[in-house]
Amino acid sequence: MAKDAKGKKSTLNEVVTREYTIHLHKYVIGRSFKTRAPHAVKVIRSFAQKAMSTTDVRLDPALNKEVWNLGIKSVPHRIRVRLARKRNDDENAKEKLYTVVSYVKVPSFKGLQTQVVDEA
């Protein structure tokens, strides 16, 4: 990674894909029933912003369907997501990078850790 003038590492040249497990239950417990699924979507978005250091986060419709699958008040306890940081090819874009969050189906969450995925 290249360092900028302040000595911080720059994410500009980093196009990377990682898989994470998000423990949604700890964020939605105690929330009123009608705000659980919308809050879970916001939590996923903020998690992606922190993990990938981009403000432009785009959620895959399959991920949204999986969060809302059991209804507004029954959000899954954990969810496995793939975060892909990509270059923004738009000419007049504010951000040079954006993050795409997609759903990964897994049979069990036991023993899973964060993994770097090769997209080659």
PDB file of N, CA and C in Angstrom:
ATOM      1  N   MET A   1       0.830  -1.183   0.000  1.00  0.00           N
ATOM      2  CA  MET A   1       0.000   0.000   0.000  1.00  0.00           C
ATOM      3  C   MET A   1       0.875   1.247   0.000  1.00  0.00           C
ATOM      4  N   ALA A   2       0.464   2.257  -0.695  1.00  0.00           N
ATOM      5  CA  ALA A   2       1.191   3.515  -0.725  1.00  0.00           C
ATOM      6  C   ALA A   2       0.771   4.392   0.445  1.00  0.00           C
ATOM      7  N   LYS A   3       1.755   5.124   0.982  1.00  0.00           N
ATOM      8  CA  LYS A   3       1.444   6.020   2.089  1.00  0.00           C
ATOM      9  C   LYS A   3       1.264   7.430   1.550  1.00  0.00           C
ATOM     10  N   ASP A   4       0.308   8.170   2.110  1.00  0.00           N
ATOM     11  CA  ASP A   4       0.096   9.545   1.671  1.00  0.00           C
ATOM     12  C   ASP A   4       0.960  10.487   2.506  1.00  0.00           C
ATOM     13  N   ALA A   5       0.737  11.796   2.383  1.00  0.00           N
ATOM     14  CA  ALA A   5       1.583  12.799   3.031  1.00  0.00           C
ATOM     15  C   ALA A   5       1.540  12.725   4.553  1.00  0.00           C
ATOM     16  N   LYS A   6       0.432  12.339   5.139  1.00  0.00           N
ATOM     17  CA  LYS A   6       0.315  12.294   6.596  1.00  0.00           C
ATOM     18  C   LYS A   6       0.850  10.988   7.185  1.00  0.00           C
ATOM     19  N   GLY A   7       1.256  10.058   6.345  1.00  0.00           N
ATOM     20  CA  GLY A   7       1.788   8.798   6.830  1.00  0.00           C
ATOM     21  C   GLY A   7       0.749   7.697   6.928  1.00  0.00           C
ATOM     22  N   LYS A   8      -0.502   8.022   6.636  1.00  0.00           N
ATOM     23  CA  LYS A   8      -1.553   7.010   6.658  1.00  0.00           C
ATOM     24  C   LYS A   8      -1.487   6.178   5.394  1.00  0.00           C
ATOM     25  N   LYS A   9      -1.943   4.935   5.477  1.00  0.00           N
ATOM     26  CA  LYS A   9      -1.956   4.076   4.306  1.00  0.00           C
ATOM     27  C   LYS A   9      -3.120   4.462   3.403  1.00  0.00           C
ATOM     28  N   SER A  10      -2.867   4.519   2.127  1.00  0.00           N
ATOM     29  CA  SER A  10      -3.879   4.894   1.154  1.00  0.00           C
ATOM     30  C   SER A  10      -4.586   3.645   0.643  1.00  0.00           C
ATOM     31  N   THR A  11      -5.912   3.715   0.551  1.00  0.00           N
ATOM     32  CA  THR A  11      -6.682   2.593   0.018  1.00  0.00           C
ATOM     33  C   THR A  11      -6.976   2.781  -1.468  1.00  0.00           C
ATOM     34  N   LEU A  12      -6.405   3.791  -2.072  1.00  0.00           N
ATOM     35  CA  LEU A  12      -6.721   4.120  -3.457  1.00  0.00           C
ATOM     36  C   LEU A  12      -6.328   3.004  -4.426  1.00  0.00           C
ATOM     37  N   ASN A  13      -5.181   2.390  -4.204  1.00  0.00           N
ATOM     38  CA  ASN A  13      -4.713   1.364  -5.130  1.00  0.00           C
ATOM     39  C   ASN A  13      -5.198  -0.025  -4.748  1.00  0.00           C
ATOM     40  N   GLU A  14      -5.939  -0.122  -3.675  1.00  0.00           N
ATOM     41  CA  GLU A  14      -6.368  -1.422  -3.168  1.00  0.00           C
ATOM     42  C   GLU A  14      -7.753  -1.795  -3.704  1.00  0.00           C
ATOM     43  N   VAL A  15      -7.789  -2.695  -4.641  1.00  0.00           N
ATOM     44  CA  VAL A  15      -9.049  -3.289  -5.078  1.00  0.00           C
ATOM     45  C   VAL A  15      -9.036  -4.698  -4.515  1.00  0.00           C
ATOM     46  N   VAL A  16      -9.888  -4.938  -3.511  1.00  0.00           N
ATOM     47  CA  VAL A  16      -9.809  -6.182  -2.763  1.00  0.00           C
ATOM     48  C   VAL A  16     -11.218  -6.689  -2.467  1.00  0.00           C
ATOM     49  N   THR A  17     -11.332  -7.998  -2.252  1.00  0.00           N
ATOM     50  CA  THR A  17     -12.599  -8.622  -1.900  1.00  0.00           C
ATOM     51  C   THR A  17     -12.381  -9.481  -0.665  1.00  0.00           C
ATOM     52  N   ARG A  18     -13.243  -9.287   0.348  1.00  0.00           N
ATOM     53  CA  ARG A  18     -13.148 -10.062   1.580  1.00  0.00           C
ATOM     54  C   ARG A  18     -14.517 -10.577   1.973  1.00  0.00           C
ATOM     55  N   GLU A  19     -14.525 -11.691   2.717  1.00  0.00           N
ATOM     56  CA  GLU A  19     -15.766 -12.237   3.263  1.00  0.00           C
ATOM     57  C   GLU A  19     -15.759 -12.052   4.773  1.00  0.00           C
ATOM     58  N   TYR A  20     -16.871 -11.541   5.293  1.00  0.00           N
ATOM     59  CA  TYR A  20     -17.025 -11.292   6.725  1.00  0.00           C
ATOM     60  C   TYR A  20     -18.305 -11.958   7.219  1.00  0.00           C
ATOM     61  N   THR A  21     -18.341 -12.250   8.513  1.00  0.00           N
ATOM     62  CA  THR A  21     -19.569 -12.661   9.180  1.00  0.00           C
ATOM     63  C   THR A  21     -19.978 -11.500  10.076  1.00  0.00           C
ATOM     64  N   ILE A  22     -21.199 -11.021   9.905  1.00  0.00           N
ATOM     65  CA  ILE A  22     -21.713  -9.923  10.726  1.00  0.00           C
ATOM     66  C   ILE A  22     -22.705 -10.500  11.721  1.00  0.00           C
ATOM     67  N   HIS A  23     -22.476 -10.227  12.992  1.00  0.00           N
ATOM     68  CA  HIS A  23     -23.372 -10.687  14.048  1.00  0.00           C
ATOM     69  C   HIS A  23     -24.468  -9.630  14.222  1.00  0.00           C
ATOM     70  N   LEU A  24     -25.562  -9.809  13.475  1.00  0.00           N
ATOM     71  CA  LEU A  24     -26.631  -8.805  13.464  1.00  0.00           C
ATOM     72  C   LEU A  24     -27.416  -8.772  14.774  1.00  0.00           C
ATOM     73  N   HIS A  25     -27.475  -9.893  15.472  1.00  0.00           N
ATOM     74  CA  HIS A  25     -28.320  -9.978  16.660  1.00  0.00           C
ATOM     75  C   HIS A  25     -27.899  -8.981  17.729  1.00  0.00           C
ATOM     76  N   LYS A  26     -26.600  -8.736  17.854  1.00  0.00           N
ATOM     77  CA  LYS A  26     -26.154  -7.811  18.888  1.00  0.00           C
ATOM     78  C   LYS A  26     -26.498  -6.354  18.557  1.00  0.00           C
ATOM     79  N   TYR A  27     -26.808  -6.073  17.301  1.00  0.00           N
ATOM     80  CA  TYR A  27     -27.196  -4.717  16.920  1.00  0.00           C
ATOM     81  C   TYR A  27     -28.708  -4.503  16.977  1.00  0.00           C
ATOM     82  N   VAL A  28     -29.502  -5.562  16.753  1.00  0.00           N
ATOM     83  CA  VAL A  28     -30.954  -5.373  16.689  1.00  0.00           C
ATOM     84  C   VAL A  28     -31.666  -5.769  17.969  1.00  0.00           C
ATOM     85  N   ILE A  29     -30.964  -6.409  18.911  1.00  0.00           N
ATOM     86  CA  ILE A  29     -31.627  -6.797  20.158  1.00  0.00           C
ATOM     87  C   ILE A  29     -31.979  -5.536  20.932  1.00  0.00           C
ATOM     88  N   GLY A  30     -33.199  -5.503  21.436  1.00  0.00           N
ATOM     89  CA  GLY A  30     -33.664  -4.326  22.158  1.00  0.00           C
ATOM     90  C   GLY A  30     -34.333  -3.290  21.274  1.00  0.00           C
ATOM     91  N   ARG A  31     -34.262  -3.466  19.971  1.00  0.00           N
ATOM     92  CA  ARG A  31     -34.933  -2.545  19.055  1.00  0.00           C
ATOM     93  C   ARG A  31     -36.414  -2.917  18.991  1.00  0.00           C
ATOM     94  N   SER A  32     -37.244  -1.936  18.718  1.00  0.00           N
ATOM     95  CA  SER A  32     -38.660  -2.258  18.546  1.00  0.00           C
ATOM     96  C   SER A  32     -38.823  -3.081  17.268  1.00  0.00           C
ATOM     97  N   PHE A  33     -39.858  -3.920  17.257  1.00  0.00           N
ATOM     98  CA  PHE A  33     -40.004  -4.891  16.179  1.00  0.00           C
ATOM     99  C   PHE A  33     -40.070  -4.258  14.801  1.00  0.00           C
ATOM    100  N   LYS A  34     -40.720  -3.140  14.670  1.00  0.00           N
ATOM    101  CA  LYS A  34     -40.918  -2.548  13.346  1.00  0.00           C
ATOM    102  C   LYS A  34     -39.672  -1.845  12.815  1.00  0.00           C
ATOM    103  N   THR A  35     -38.607  -1.784  13.607  1.00  0.00           N
ATOM    104  CA  THR A  35     -37.388  -1.127  13.123  1.00  0.00           C
ATOM    105  C   THR A  35     -36.221  -2.094  13.004  1.00  0.00           C
ATOM    106  N   ARG A  36     -36.423  -3.384  13.236  1.00  0.00           N
ATOM    107  CA  ARG A  36     -35.302  -4.324  13.247  1.00  0.00           C
ATOM    108  C   ARG A  36     -34.682  -4.540  11.869  1.00  0.00           C
ATOM    109  N   ALA A  37     -35.442  -4.883  10.876  1.00  0.00           N
ATOM    110  CA  ALA A  37     -34.880  -5.140   9.548  1.00  0.00           C
ATOM    111  C   ALA A  37     -34.292  -3.867   8.922  1.00  0.00           C
ATOM    112  N   PRO A  38     -34.979  -2.710   9.001  1.00  0.00           N
ATOM    113  CA  PRO A  38     -34.348  -1.499   8.451  1.00  0.00           C
ATOM    114  C   PRO A  38     -33.048  -1.143   9.172  1.00  0.00           C
ATOM    115  N   HIS A  39     -33.017  -1.353  10.485  1.00  0.00           N
ATOM    116  CA  HIS A  39     -31.797  -1.054  11.239  1.00  0.00           C
ATOM    117  C   HIS A  39     -30.678  -2.035  10.866  1.00  0.00           C
ATOM    118  N   ALA A  40     -31.017  -3.286  10.612  1.00  0.00           N
ATOM    119  CA  ALA A  40     -30.011  -4.275  10.213  1.00  0.00           C
ATOM    120  C   ALA A  40     -29.366  -3.893   8.882  1.00  0.00           C
ATOM    121  N   VAL A  41     -30.150  -3.373   7.956  1.00  0.00           N
ATOM    122  CA  VAL A  41     -29.603  -2.925   6.668  1.00  0.00           C
ATOM    123  C   VAL A  41     -28.651  -1.754   6.892  1.00  0.00           C
ATOM    124  N   LYS A  42     -29.007  -0.842   7.778  1.00  0.00           N
ATOM    125  CA  LYS A  42     -28.130   0.289   8.086  1.00  0.00           C
ATOM    126  C   LYS A  42     -26.845  -0.169   8.762  1.00  0.00           C
ATOM    127  N   VAL A  43     -26.947  -1.180   9.609  1.00  0.00           N
ATOM    128  CA  VAL A  43     -25.766  -1.717  10.281  1.00  0.00           C
ATOM    129  C   VAL A  43     -24.824  -2.363   9.267  1.00  0.00           C
ATOM    130  N   ILE A  44     -25.369  -3.097   8.312  1.00  0.00           N
ATOM    131  CA  ILE A  44     -24.540  -3.716   7.272  1.00  0.00           C
ATOM    132  C   ILE A  44     -23.829  -2.639   6.460  1.00  0.00           C
ATOM    133  N   ARG A  45     -24.544  -1.584   6.133  1.00  0.00           N
ATOM    134  CA  ARG A  45     -23.959  -0.477   5.369  1.00  0.00           C
ATOM    135  C   ARG A  45     -22.821   0.192   6.146  1.00  0.00           C
ATOM    136  N   SER A  46     -23.038   0.459   7.436  1.00  0.00           N
ATOM    137  CA  SER A  46     -21.994   1.113   8.233  1.00  0.00           C
ATOM    138  C   SER A  46     -20.808   0.174   8.472  1.00  0.00           C
ATOM    139  N   PHE A  47     -21.067  -1.128   8.612  1.00  0.00           N
ATOM    140  CA  PHE A  47     -19.992  -2.105   8.748  1.00  0.00           C
ATOM    141  C   PHE A  47     -19.105  -2.088   7.501  1.00  0.00           C
ATOM    142  N   ALA A  48     -19.720  -2.046   6.334  1.00  0.00           N
ATOM    143  CA  ALA A  48     -18.964  -2.024   5.080  1.00  0.00           C
ATOM    144  C   ALA A  48     -18.157  -0.736   4.943  1.00  0.00           C
ATOM    145  N   GLN A  49     -18.714   0.385   5.379  1.00  0.00           N
ATOM    146  CA  GLN A  49     -17.982   1.644   5.325  1.00  0.00           C
ATOM    147  C   GLN A  49     -16.731   1.590   6.191  1.00  0.00           C
ATOM    148  N   LYS A  50     -16.847   1.044   7.390  1.00  0.00           N
ATOM    149  CA  LYS A  50     -15.699   0.959   8.289  1.00  0.00           C
ATOM    150  C   LYS A  50     -14.674  -0.056   7.808  1.00  0.00           C
ATOM    151  N   ALA A  51     -15.138  -1.202   7.324  1.00  0.00           N
ATOM    152  CA  ALA A  51     -14.214  -2.265   6.931  1.00  0.00           C
ATOM    153  C   ALA A  51     -13.456  -1.924   5.654  1.00  0.00           C
ATOM    154  N   MET A  52     -14.102  -1.237   4.723  1.00  0.00           N
ATOM    155  CA  MET A  52     -13.480  -0.974   3.428  1.00  0.00           C
ATOM    156  C   MET A  52     -13.050   0.483   3.224  1.00  0.00           C
ATOM    157  N   SER A  53     -13.319   1.344   4.182  1.00  0.00           N
ATOM    158  CA  SER A  53     -12.904   2.756   4.135  1.00  0.00           C
ATOM    159  C   SER A  53     -13.445   3.489   2.916  1.00  0.00           C
ATOM    160  N   THR A  54     -14.684   3.200   2.549  1.00  0.00           N
ATOM    161  CA  THR A  54     -15.341   3.934   1.466  1.00  0.00           C
ATOM    162  C   THR A  54     -16.694   4.425   1.960  1.00  0.00           C
ATOM    163  N   THR A  55     -17.109   5.571   1.480  1.00  0.00           N
ATOM    164  CA  THR A  55     -18.414   6.087   1.881  1.00  0.00           C
ATOM    165  C   THR A  55     -19.517   5.622   0.930  1.00  0.00           C
ATOM    166  N   ASP A  56     -19.141   5.262  -0.296  1.00  0.00           N
ATOM    167  CA  ASP A  56     -20.102   4.793  -1.289  1.00  0.00           C
ATOM    168  C   ASP A  56     -20.253   3.285  -1.153  1.00  0.00           C
ATOM    169  N   VAL A  57     -21.372   2.825  -0.562  1.00  0.00           N
ATOM    170  CA  VAL A  57     -21.621   1.402  -0.344  1.00  0.00           C
ATOM    171  C   VAL A  57     -22.898   1.023  -1.080  1.00  0.00           C
ATOM    172  N   ARG A  58     -22.824  -0.041  -1.879  1.00  0.00           N
ATOM    173  CA  ARG A  58     -23.981  -0.507  -2.643  1.00  0.00           C
ATOM    174  C   ARG A  58     -24.338  -1.920  -2.195  1.00  0.00           C
ATOM    175  N   LEU A  59     -25.596  -2.110  -1.814  1.00  0.00           N
ATOM    176  CA  LEU A  59     -26.055  -3.408  -1.338  1.00  0.00           C
ATOM    177  C   LEU A  59     -26.697  -4.201  -2.470  1.00  0.00           C
ATOM    178  N   ASP A  60     -26.385  -5.481  -2.528  1.00  0.00           N
ATOM    179  CA  ASP A  60     -26.947  -6.381  -3.517  1.00  0.00           C
ATOM    180  C   ASP A  60     -28.402  -6.686  -3.149  1.00  0.00           C
ATOM    181  N   PRO A  61     -29.306  -6.740  -4.114  1.00  0.00           N
ATOM    182  CA  PRO A  61     -30.706  -7.065  -3.798  1.00  0.00           C
ATOM    183  C   PRO A  61     -30.883  -8.440  -3.137  1.00  0.00           C
ATOM    184  N   ALA A  62     -30.009  -9.395  -3.436  1.00  0.00           N
ATOM    185  CA  ALA A  62     -30.099 -10.710  -2.786  1.00  0.00           C
ATOM    186  C   ALA A  62     -29.810 -10.601  -1.289  1.00  0.00           C
ATOM    187  N   LEU A  63     -28.896  -9.716  -0.912  1.00  0.00           N
ATOM    188  CA  LEU A  63     -28.610  -9.481   0.503  1.00  0.00           C
ATOM    189  C   LEU A  63     -29.814  -8.859   1.194  1.00  0.00           C
ATOM    190  N   ASN A  64     -30.438  -7.903   0.545  1.00  0.00           N
ATOM    191  CA  ASN A  64     -31.628  -7.262   1.099  1.00  0.00           C
ATOM    192  C   ASN A  64     -32.754  -8.286   1.278  1.00  0.00           C
ATOM    193  N   LYS A  65     -32.927  -9.156   0.291  1.00  0.00           N
ATOM    194  CA  LYS A  65     -33.959 -10.202   0.393  1.00  0.00           C
ATOM    195  C   LYS A  65     -33.688 -11.138   1.563  1.00  0.00           C
ATOM    196  N   GLU A  66     -32.428 -11.465   1.792  1.00  0.00           N
ATOM    197  CA  GLU A  66     -32.077 -12.381   2.874  1.00  0.00           C
ATOM    198  C   GLU A  66     -32.314 -11.750   4.242  1.00  0.00           C
ATOM    199  N   VAL A  67     -32.038 -10.461   4.383  1.00  0.00           N
ATOM    200  CA  VAL A  67     -32.288  -9.772   5.660  1.00  0.00           C
ATOM    201  C   VAL A  67     -33.787  -9.708   5.928  1.00  0.00           C
ATOM    202  N   TRP A  68     -34.574  -9.446   4.897  1.00  0.00           N
ATOM    203  CA  TRP A  68     -36.020  -9.284   5.044  1.00  0.00           C
ATOM    204  C   TRP A  68     -36.782 -10.603   4.897  1.00  0.00           C
ATOM    205  N   ASN A  69     -36.083 -11.722   4.708  1.00  0.00           N
ATOM    206  CA  ASN A  69     -36.711 -13.007   4.417  1.00  0.00           C
ATOM    207  C   ASN A  69     -37.702 -13.446   5.495  1.00  0.00           C
ATOM    208  N   LEU A  70     -37.366 -13.254   6.737  1.00  0.00           N
ATOM    209  CA  LEU A  70     -38.226 -13.687   7.836  1.00  0.00           C
ATOM    210  C   LEU A  70     -39.176 -12.593   8.312  1.00  0.00           C
ATOM    211  N   GLY A  71     -39.214 -11.484   7.623  1.00  0.00           N
ATOM    212  CA  GLY A  71     -40.106 -10.395   7.997  1.00  0.00           C
ATOM    213  C   GLY A  71     -39.344  -9.246   8.635  1.00  0.00           C
ATOM    214  N   ILE A  72     -40.100  -8.240   9.066  1.00  0.00           N
ATOM    215  CA  ILE A  72     -39.486  -7.027   9.588  1.00  0.00           C
ATOM    216  C   ILE A  72     -38.912  -7.231  10.984  1.00  0.00           C
ATOM    217  N   LYS A  73     -39.475  -8.163  11.752  1.00  0.00           N
ATOM    218  CA  LYS A  73     -39.045  -8.282  13.142  1.00  0.00           C
ATOM    219  C   LYS A  73     -38.168  -9.488  13.418  1.00  0.00           C
ATOM    220  N   SER A  74     -38.042 -10.415  12.477  1.00  0.00           N
ATOM    221  CA  SER A  74     -37.214 -11.605  12.693  1.00  0.00           C
ATOM    222  C   SER A  74     -36.005 -11.564  11.778  1.00  0.00           C
ATOM    223  N   VAL A  75     -34.997 -10.839  12.185  1.00  0.00           N
ATOM    224  CA  VAL A  75     -33.773 -10.697  11.403  1.00  0.00           C
ATOM    225  C   VAL A  75     -32.855 -11.872  11.738  1.00  0.00           C
ATOM    226  N   PRO A  76     -32.132 -12.442  10.762  1.00  0.00           N
ATOM    227  CA  PRO A  76     -31.213 -13.528  11.080  1.00  0.00           C
ATOM    228  C   PRO A  76     -30.140 -13.077  12.077  1.00  0.00           C
ATOM    229  N   HIS A  77     -29.727 -13.984  12.953  1.00  0.00           N
ATOM    230  CA  HIS A  77     -28.750 -13.627  13.981  1.00  0.00           C
ATOM    231  C   HIS A  77     -27.395 -13.284  13.383  1.00  0.00           C
ATOM    232  N   ARG A  78     -26.970 -14.057  12.390  1.00  0.00           N
ATOM    233  CA  ARG A  78     -25.706 -13.801  11.720  1.00  0.00           C
ATOM    234  C   ARG A  78     -25.924 -13.851  10.210  1.00  0.00           C
ATOM    235  N   ILE A  79     -25.037 -13.158   9.500  1.00  0.00           N
ATOM    236  CA  ILE A  79     -25.116 -13.177   8.042  1.00  0.00           C
ATOM    237  C   ILE A  79     -23.689 -13.092   7.497  1.00  0.00           C
ATOM    238  N   ARG A  80     -23.423 -13.855   6.458  1.00  0.00           N
ATOM    239  CA  ARG A  80     -22.108 -13.870   5.829  1.00  0.00           C
ATOM    240  C   ARG A  80     -22.173 -13.002   4.591  1.00  0.00           C
ATOM    241  N   VAL A  81     -21.263 -12.028   4.492  1.00  0.00           N
ATOM    242  CA  VAL A  81     -21.278 -11.088   3.372  1.00  0.00           C
ATOM    243  C   VAL A  81     -19.915 -11.059   2.702  1.00  0.00           C
ATOM    244  N   ARG A  82     -19.938 -10.721   1.410  1.00  0.00           N
ATOM    245  CA  ARG A  82     -18.712 -10.516   0.639  1.00  0.00           C
ATOM    246  C   ARG A  82     -18.629  -9.033   0.305  1.00  0.00           C
ATOM    247  N   LEU A  83     -17.558  -8.389   0.774  1.00  0.00           N
ATOM    248  CA  LEU A  83     -17.341  -6.970   0.514  1.00  0.00           C
ATOM    249  C   LEU A  83     -16.282  -6.836  -0.574  1.00  0.00           C
ATOM    250  N   ALA A  84     -16.645  -6.188  -1.666  1.00  0.00           N
ATOM    251  CA  ALA A  84     -15.728  -6.003  -2.793  1.00  0.00           C
ATOM    252  C   ALA A  84     -15.511  -4.512  -3.008  1.00  0.00           C
ATOM    253  N   ARG A  85     -14.275  -4.072  -2.816  1.00  0.00           N
ATOM    254  CA  ARG A  85     -13.940  -2.670  -3.085  1.00  0.00           C
ATOM    255  C   ARG A  85     -13.532  -2.567  -4.543  1.00  0.00           C
ATOM    256  N   LYS A  86     -14.195  -1.673  -5.284  1.00  0.00           N
ATOM    257  CA  LYS A  86     -13.963  -1.552  -6.721  1.00  0.00           C
ATOM    258  C   LYS A  86     -13.699  -0.104  -7.096  1.00  0.00           C
ATOM    259  N   ARG A  87     -13.086   0.063  -8.262  1.00  0.00           N
ATOM    260  CA  ARG A  87     -12.845   1.417  -8.774  1.00  0.00           C
ATOM    261  C   ARG A  87     -14.119   1.962  -9.403  1.00  0.00           C
ATOM    262  N   ASN A  88     -14.337   3.254  -9.212  1.00  0.00           N
ATOM    263  CA  ASN A  88     -15.488   3.918  -9.798  1.00  0.00           C
ATOM    264  C   ASN A  88     -15.071   4.488 -11.152  1.00  0.00           C
ATOM    265  N   ASP A  89     -15.670   3.975 -12.224  1.00  0.00           N
ATOM    266  CA  ASP A  89     -15.291   4.398 -13.569  1.00  0.00           C
ATOM    267  C   ASP A  89     -16.055   5.621 -14.041  1.00  0.00           C
ATOM    268  N   ASP A  90     -16.989   6.098 -13.242  1.00  0.00           N
ATOM    269  CA  ASP A  90     -17.775   7.261 -13.617  1.00  0.00           C
ATOM    270  C   ASP A  90     -16.869   8.495 -13.654  1.00  0.00           C
ATOM    271  N   GLU A  91     -17.066   9.340 -14.644  1.00  0.00           N
ATOM    272  CA  GLU A  91     -16.211  10.516 -14.824  1.00  0.00           C
ATOM    273  C   GLU A  91     -16.320  11.517 -13.678  1.00  0.00           C
ATOM    274  N   ASN A  92     -17.556  11.842 -13.293  1.00  0.00           N
ATOM    275  CA  ASN A  92     -17.757  12.899 -12.296  1.00  0.00           C
ATOM    276  C   ASN A  92     -18.159  12.324 -10.937  1.00  0.00           C
ATOM    277  N   ALA A  93     -17.571  11.230 -10.545  1.00  0.00           N
ATOM    278  CA  ALA A  93     -17.895  10.604  -9.261  1.00  0.00           C
ATOM    279  C   ALA A  93     -17.133  11.306  -8.140  1.00  0.00           C
ATOM    280  N   LYS A  94     -17.798  11.431  -6.991  1.00  0.00           N
ATOM    281  CA  LYS A  94     -17.142  12.049  -5.835  1.00  0.00           C
ATOM    282  C   LYS A  94     -16.049  11.147  -5.282  1.00  0.00           C
ATOM    283  N   GLU A  95     -16.351   9.858  -5.196  1.00  0.00           N
ATOM    284  CA  GLU A  95     -15.414   8.888  -4.629  1.00  0.00           C
ATOM    285  C   GLU A  95     -14.729   8.110  -5.751  1.00  0.00           C
ATOM    286  N   LYS A  96     -13.460   7.791  -5.555  1.00  0.00           N
ATOM    287  CA  LYS A  96     -12.741   7.009  -6.554  1.00  0.00           C
ATOM    288  C   LYS A  96     -13.008   5.512  -6.398  1.00  0.00           C
ATOM    289  N   LEU A  97     -13.430   5.088  -5.204  1.00  0.00           N
ATOM    290  CA  LEU A  97     -13.715   3.682  -4.931  1.00  0.00           C
ATOM    291  C   LEU A  97     -15.119   3.530  -4.356  1.00  0.00           C
ATOM    292  N   TYR A  98     -15.711   2.374  -4.584  1.00  0.00           N
ATOM    293  CA  TYR A  98     -16.995   2.058  -3.957  1.00  0.00           C
ATOM    294  C   TYR A  98     -16.964   0.604  -3.507  1.00  0.00           C
ATOM    295  N   THR A  99     -17.897   0.248  -2.623  1.00  0.00           N
ATOM    296  CA  THR A  99     -17.957  -1.094  -2.080  1.00  0.00           C
ATOM    297  C   THR A  99     -19.278  -1.743  -2.465  1.00  0.00           C
ATOM    298  N   VAL A 100     -19.198  -2.986  -2.942  1.00  0.00           N
ATOM    299  CA  VAL A 100     -20.378  -3.779  -3.259  1.00  0.00           C
ATOM    300  C   VAL A 100     -20.498  -4.859  -2.192  1.00  0.00           C
ATOM    301  N   VAL A 101     -21.660  -4.918  -1.536  1.00  0.00           N
ATOM    302  CA  VAL A 101     -21.897  -5.903  -0.485  1.00  0.00           C
ATOM    303  C   VAL A 101     -22.859  -6.943  -1.031  1.00  0.00           C
ATOM    304  N   SER A 102     -22.431  -8.209  -1.037  1.00  0.00           N
ATOM    305  CA  SER A 102     -23.281  -9.280  -1.545  1.00  0.00           C
ATOM    306  C   SER A 102     -23.393 -10.394  -0.510  1.00  0.00           C
ATOM    307  N   TYR A 103     -24.437 -11.192  -0.643  1.00  0.00           N
ATOM    308  CA  TYR A 103     -24.746 -12.255   0.304  1.00  0.00           C
ATOM    309  C   TYR A 103     -24.000 -13.530  -0.069  1.00  0.00           C
ATOM    310  N   VAL A 104     -23.477 -14.235   0.954  1.00  0.00           N
ATOM    311  CA  VAL A 104     -22.822 -15.521   0.749  1.00  0.00           C
ATOM    312  C   VAL A 104     -23.585 -16.557   1.563  1.00  0.00           C
ATOM    313  N   LYS A 105     -24.090 -17.579   0.896  1.00  0.00           N
ATOM    314  CA  LYS A 105     -24.844 -18.621   1.590  1.00  0.00           C
ATOM    315  C   LYS A 105     -23.871 -19.636   2.179  1.00  0.00           C
ATOM    316  N   VAL A 106     -24.003 -19.885   3.489  1.00  0.00           N
ATOM    317  CA  VAL A 106     -23.154 -20.869   4.167  1.00  0.00           C
ATOM    318  C   VAL A 106     -24.039 -21.813   4.967  1.00  0.00           C
ATOM    319  N   PRO A 107     -23.642 -23.087   5.075  1.00  0.00           N
ATOM    320  CA  PRO A 107     -24.464 -24.030   5.854  1.00  0.00           C
ATOM    321  C   PRO A 107     -24.387 -23.788   7.352  1.00  0.00           C
ATOM    322  N   SER A 108     -23.219 -23.341   7.839  1.00  0.00           N
ATOM    323  CA  SER A 108     -23.041 -23.110   9.269  1.00  0.00           C
ATOM    324  C   SER A 108     -22.018 -21.992   9.462  1.00  0.00           C
ATOM    325  N   PHE A 109     -22.140 -21.266  10.567  1.00  0.00           N
ATOM    326  CA  PHE A 109     -21.218 -20.176  10.860  1.00  0.00           C
ATOM    327  C   PHE A 109     -20.067 -20.623  11.759  1.00  0.00           C
ATOM    328  N   LYS A 110     -20.028 -21.890  12.118  1.00  0.00           N
ATOM    329  CA  LYS A 110     -19.009 -22.416  13.020  1.00  0.00           C
ATOM    330  C   LYS A 110     -17.631 -22.384  12.359  1.00  0.00           C
ATOM    331  N   GLY A 111     -16.681 -21.765  13.032  1.00  0.00           N
ATOM    332  CA  GLY A 111     -15.297 -21.765  12.577  1.00  0.00           C
ATOM    333  C   GLY A 111     -14.975 -20.837  11.423  1.00  0.00           C
ATOM    334  N   LEU A 112     -15.903 -20.002  11.000  1.00  0.00           N
ATOM    335  CA  LEU A 112     -15.642 -19.098   9.886  1.00  0.00           C
ATOM    336  C   LEU A 112     -14.858 -17.882  10.368  1.00  0.00           C
ATOM    337  N   GLN A 113     -13.921 -17.451   9.546  1.00  0.00           N
ATOM    338  CA  GLN A 113     -13.157 -16.251   9.821  1.00  0.00           C
ATOM    339  C   GLN A 113     -13.163 -15.377   8.590  1.00  0.00           C
ATOM    340  N   THR A 114     -12.613 -14.169   8.740  1.00  0.00           N
ATOM    341  CA  THR A 114     -12.522 -13.260   7.613  1.00  0.00           C
ATOM    342  C   THR A 114     -11.543 -13.826   6.589  1.00  0.00           C
ATOM    343  N   GLN A 115     -11.963 -13.834   5.316  1.00  0.00           N
ATOM    344  CA  GLN A 115     -11.133 -14.384   4.259  1.00  0.00           C
ATOM    345  C   GLN A 115     -10.975 -13.379   3.138  1.00  0.00           C
ATOM    346  N   VAL A 116      -9.782 -13.326   2.565  1.00  0.00           N
ATOM    347  CA  VAL A 116      -9.556 -12.531   1.370  1.00  0.00           C
ATOM    348  C   VAL A 116      -9.864 -13.436   0.173  1.00  0.00           C
ATOM    349  N   VAL A 117     -10.720 -12.955  -0.729  1.00  0.00           N
ATOM    350  CA  VAL A 117     -11.170 -13.747  -1.868  1.00  0.00           C
ATOM    351  C   VAL A 117     -10.435 -13.253  -3.114  1.00  0.00           C
ATOM    352  N   ASP A 118      -9.890 -14.185  -3.873  1.00  0.00           N
ATOM    353  CA  ASP A 118      -9.234 -13.835  -5.139  1.00  0.00           C
ATOM    354  C   ASP A 118     -10.286 -13.790  -6.234  1.00  0.00           C
ATOM    355  N   GLU A 119     -10.368 -12.661  -6.931  1.00  0.00           N
ATOM    356  CA  GLU A 119     -11.359 -12.506  -7.991  1.00  0.00           C
ATOM    357  C   GLU A 119     -10.743 -12.737  -9.373  1.00  0.00           C
ATOM    358  N   ALA A 120      -9.550 -13.276  -9.407  1.00  0.00           N
ATOM    359  CA  ALA A 120      -8.863 -13.474 -10.691  1.00  0.00           C
ATOM    360  C   ALA A 120      -9.359 -14.664 -11.449  1.00  0.00           C
TER     361      ALA A 120
END
